[in-house]
Amino acid sequence: MSQDLSLAQNHAFQLACTLMVPVTLFAVDGHFGVLPSDELDDADVDVIHEFDPHEIRPAR
């Protein structure tokens, strides 16, 4: 868990690209966490963003 949103976003993006699976960035009690989306299992968390490596477009 991290208290820094930008750090959590970076880790979520890198994890999605490394594992090549969608990952979810979520918040719980002021902390941010990252899990593969299929492992979240309807937990009581606030979803911030889902990173899907298959929807990433190349930079222009």
N, C-alpha and C. Protein backbone atom coordinates (compact mmCIF):
# COMPACT_ATOMS: atom_id res chain seq x y z
N MET A 1 0.84 -1.18 0.00
CA MET A 1 0.00 0.00 0.00
C MET A 1 0.89 1.24 0.00
N SER A 2 0.39 2.28 -0.62
CA SER A 2 1.14 3.52 -0.75
C SER A 2 0.23 4.69 -0.42
N GLN A 3 0.81 5.76 0.06
CA GLN A 3 0.05 6.98 0.30
C GLN A 3 0.26 7.99 -0.82
N ASP A 4 1.11 7.67 -1.77
CA ASP A 4 1.43 8.55 -2.89
C ASP A 4 0.70 8.06 -4.14
N LEU A 5 -0.29 8.83 -4.61
CA LEU A 5 -1.10 8.43 -5.76
C LEU A 5 -0.26 8.28 -7.02
N SER A 6 0.64 9.21 -7.29
CA SER A 6 1.43 9.12 -8.52
C SER A 6 2.34 7.89 -8.51
N LEU A 7 2.88 7.53 -7.36
CA LEU A 7 3.69 6.32 -7.25
C LEU A 7 2.83 5.08 -7.49
N ALA A 8 1.65 5.06 -6.91
CA ALA A 8 0.74 3.93 -7.10
C ALA A 8 0.30 3.80 -8.55
N GLN A 9 0.05 4.92 -9.23
CA GLN A 9 -0.32 4.89 -10.64
C GLN A 9 0.82 4.32 -11.49
N ASN A 10 2.03 4.74 -11.21
CA ASN A 10 3.18 4.25 -11.95
C ASN A 10 3.35 2.74 -11.75
N HIS A 11 3.23 2.29 -10.52
CA HIS A 11 3.36 0.86 -10.24
C HIS A 11 2.25 0.06 -10.91
N ALA A 12 1.04 0.60 -10.91
CA ALA A 12 -0.08 -0.09 -11.55
C ALA A 12 0.15 -0.23 -13.05
N PHE A 13 0.60 0.83 -13.68
CA PHE A 13 0.87 0.79 -15.12
C PHE A 13 1.97 -0.21 -15.43
N GLN A 14 3.06 -0.17 -14.67
CA GLN A 14 4.17 -1.09 -14.90
C GLN A 14 3.76 -2.55 -14.67
N LEU A 15 2.95 -2.80 -13.64
CA LEU A 15 2.49 -4.15 -13.35
C LEU A 15 1.61 -4.67 -14.48
N ALA A 16 0.72 -3.83 -14.98
CA ALA A 16 -0.15 -4.24 -16.09
C ALA A 16 0.68 -4.60 -17.32
N CYS A 17 1.70 -3.81 -17.61
CA CYS A 17 2.54 -4.06 -18.78
C CYS A 17 3.42 -5.30 -18.59
N THR A 18 3.86 -5.54 -17.38
CA THR A 18 4.71 -6.70 -17.11
C THR A 18 3.91 -8.00 -17.15
N LEU A 19 2.77 -8.01 -16.48
CA LEU A 19 1.95 -9.22 -16.40
C LEU A 19 1.07 -9.42 -17.63
N MET A 20 0.84 -8.33 -18.39
CA MET A 20 -0.06 -8.33 -19.54
C MET A 20 -1.47 -8.78 -19.16
N VAL A 21 -1.92 -8.29 -17.99
CA VAL A 21 -3.29 -8.49 -17.53
C VAL A 21 -3.80 -7.16 -17.00
N PRO A 22 -5.11 -6.94 -17.02
CA PRO A 22 -5.65 -5.71 -16.43
C PRO A 22 -5.41 -5.68 -14.92
N VAL A 23 -5.02 -4.52 -14.42
CA VAL A 23 -4.84 -4.34 -12.98
C VAL A 23 -5.68 -3.15 -12.54
N THR A 24 -6.10 -3.18 -11.29
CA THR A 24 -6.95 -2.13 -10.73
C THR A 24 -6.20 -1.38 -9.64
N LEU A 25 -6.21 -0.06 -9.75
CA LEU A 25 -5.69 0.82 -8.71
C LEU A 25 -6.87 1.20 -7.84
N PHE A 26 -6.74 0.98 -6.53
CA PHE A 26 -7.85 1.23 -5.62
C PHE A 26 -7.37 1.95 -4.37
N ALA A 27 -8.33 2.49 -3.62
CA ALA A 27 -8.03 3.20 -2.37
C ALA A 27 -8.80 2.56 -1.23
N VAL A 28 -8.11 2.46 -0.08
CA VAL A 28 -8.72 1.97 1.16
C VAL A 28 -8.13 2.78 2.30
N ASP A 29 -8.96 3.46 3.05
CA ASP A 29 -8.53 4.23 4.23
C ASP A 29 -7.36 5.17 3.93
N GLY A 30 -7.41 5.87 2.80
CA GLY A 30 -6.37 6.84 2.46
C GLY A 30 -5.09 6.25 1.90
N HIS A 31 -5.07 4.95 1.68
CA HIS A 31 -3.91 4.29 1.08
C HIS A 31 -4.31 3.73 -0.28
N PHE A 32 -3.34 3.64 -1.18
CA PHE A 32 -3.60 3.14 -2.52
C PHE A 32 -2.96 1.77 -2.68
N GLY A 33 -3.64 0.91 -3.41
CA GLY A 33 -3.13 -0.44 -3.66
C GLY A 33 -3.39 -0.83 -5.10
N VAL A 34 -2.73 -1.88 -5.53
CA VAL A 34 -2.84 -2.38 -6.89
C VAL A 34 -2.97 -3.90 -6.84
N LEU A 35 -3.94 -4.42 -7.58
CA LEU A 35 -4.12 -5.88 -7.71
C LEU A 35 -4.53 -6.20 -9.14
N PRO A 36 -4.20 -7.39 -9.61
CA PRO A 36 -4.80 -7.83 -10.87
C PRO A 36 -6.33 -7.76 -10.73
N SER A 37 -6.98 -7.26 -11.74
CA SER A 37 -8.42 -7.01 -11.66
C SER A 37 -9.24 -8.25 -11.31
N ASP A 38 -8.83 -9.42 -11.80
CA ASP A 38 -9.60 -10.63 -11.50
C ASP A 38 -9.42 -11.11 -10.07
N GLU A 39 -8.49 -10.55 -9.33
CA GLU A 39 -8.28 -10.94 -7.93
C GLU A 39 -8.97 -10.00 -6.94
N LEU A 40 -9.59 -8.95 -7.41
CA LEU A 40 -10.22 -7.97 -6.52
C LEU A 40 -11.47 -8.53 -5.85
N ASP A 41 -12.23 -9.38 -6.53
CA ASP A 41 -13.37 -10.11 -5.95
C ASP A 41 -14.35 -9.25 -5.16
N ASP A 42 -14.87 -8.21 -5.76
CA ASP A 42 -15.92 -7.39 -5.14
C ASP A 42 -15.57 -6.90 -3.74
N ALA A 43 -14.30 -6.59 -3.51
CA ALA A 43 -13.88 -6.08 -2.21
C ALA A 43 -14.46 -4.68 -1.99
N ASP A 44 -14.55 -4.28 -0.75
CA ASP A 44 -15.10 -2.97 -0.39
C ASP A 44 -13.99 -1.92 -0.51
N VAL A 45 -13.70 -1.54 -1.75
CA VAL A 45 -12.65 -0.56 -2.03
C VAL A 45 -13.18 0.49 -2.99
N ASP A 46 -12.51 1.63 -3.04
CA ASP A 46 -12.84 2.67 -4.01
C ASP A 46 -11.91 2.50 -5.21
N VAL A 47 -12.47 2.10 -6.34
CA VAL A 47 -11.67 1.90 -7.55
C VAL A 47 -11.31 3.26 -8.12
N ILE A 48 -10.00 3.47 -8.34
CA ILE A 48 -9.51 4.72 -8.92
C ILE A 48 -9.43 4.59 -10.43
N HIS A 49 -8.79 3.50 -10.91
CA HIS A 49 -8.61 3.32 -12.34
C HIS A 49 -8.23 1.87 -12.62
N GLU A 50 -8.63 1.38 -13.80
CA GLU A 50 -8.18 0.06 -14.24
C GLU A 50 -7.24 0.25 -15.42
N PHE A 51 -6.06 -0.32 -15.32
CA PHE A 51 -5.07 -0.26 -16.38
C PHE A 51 -5.14 -1.56 -17.17
N ASP A 52 -5.43 -1.45 -18.47
CA ASP A 52 -5.51 -2.63 -19.34
C ASP A 52 -4.39 -2.52 -20.37
N PRO A 53 -3.40 -3.40 -20.32
CA PRO A 53 -2.25 -3.30 -21.23
C PRO A 53 -2.63 -3.52 -22.69
N HIS A 54 -3.78 -4.10 -22.95
CA HIS A 54 -4.20 -4.36 -24.33
C HIS A 54 -4.88 -3.14 -24.95
N GLU A 55 -5.17 -2.12 -24.16
CA GLU A 55 -5.80 -0.91 -24.67
C GLU A 55 -4.84 0.27 -24.72
N ILE A 56 -3.58 0.04 -24.42
CA ILE A 56 -2.59 1.12 -24.44
C ILE A 56 -2.23 1.42 -25.89
N ARG A 57 -2.29 2.69 -26.23
CA ARG A 57 -1.97 3.12 -27.58
C ARG A 57 -0.55 3.68 -27.62
N PRO A 58 0.14 3.50 -28.72
CA PRO A 58 1.49 4.08 -28.82
C PRO A 58 1.46 5.60 -28.83
N ALA A 59 2.52 6.20 -28.35
CA ALA A 59 2.62 7.67 -28.35
C ALA A 59 2.70 8.17 -29.79
N ARG A 60 2.19 9.36 -30.02
CA ARG A 60 2.20 9.94 -31.38
C ARG A 60 3.40 10.80 -31.56
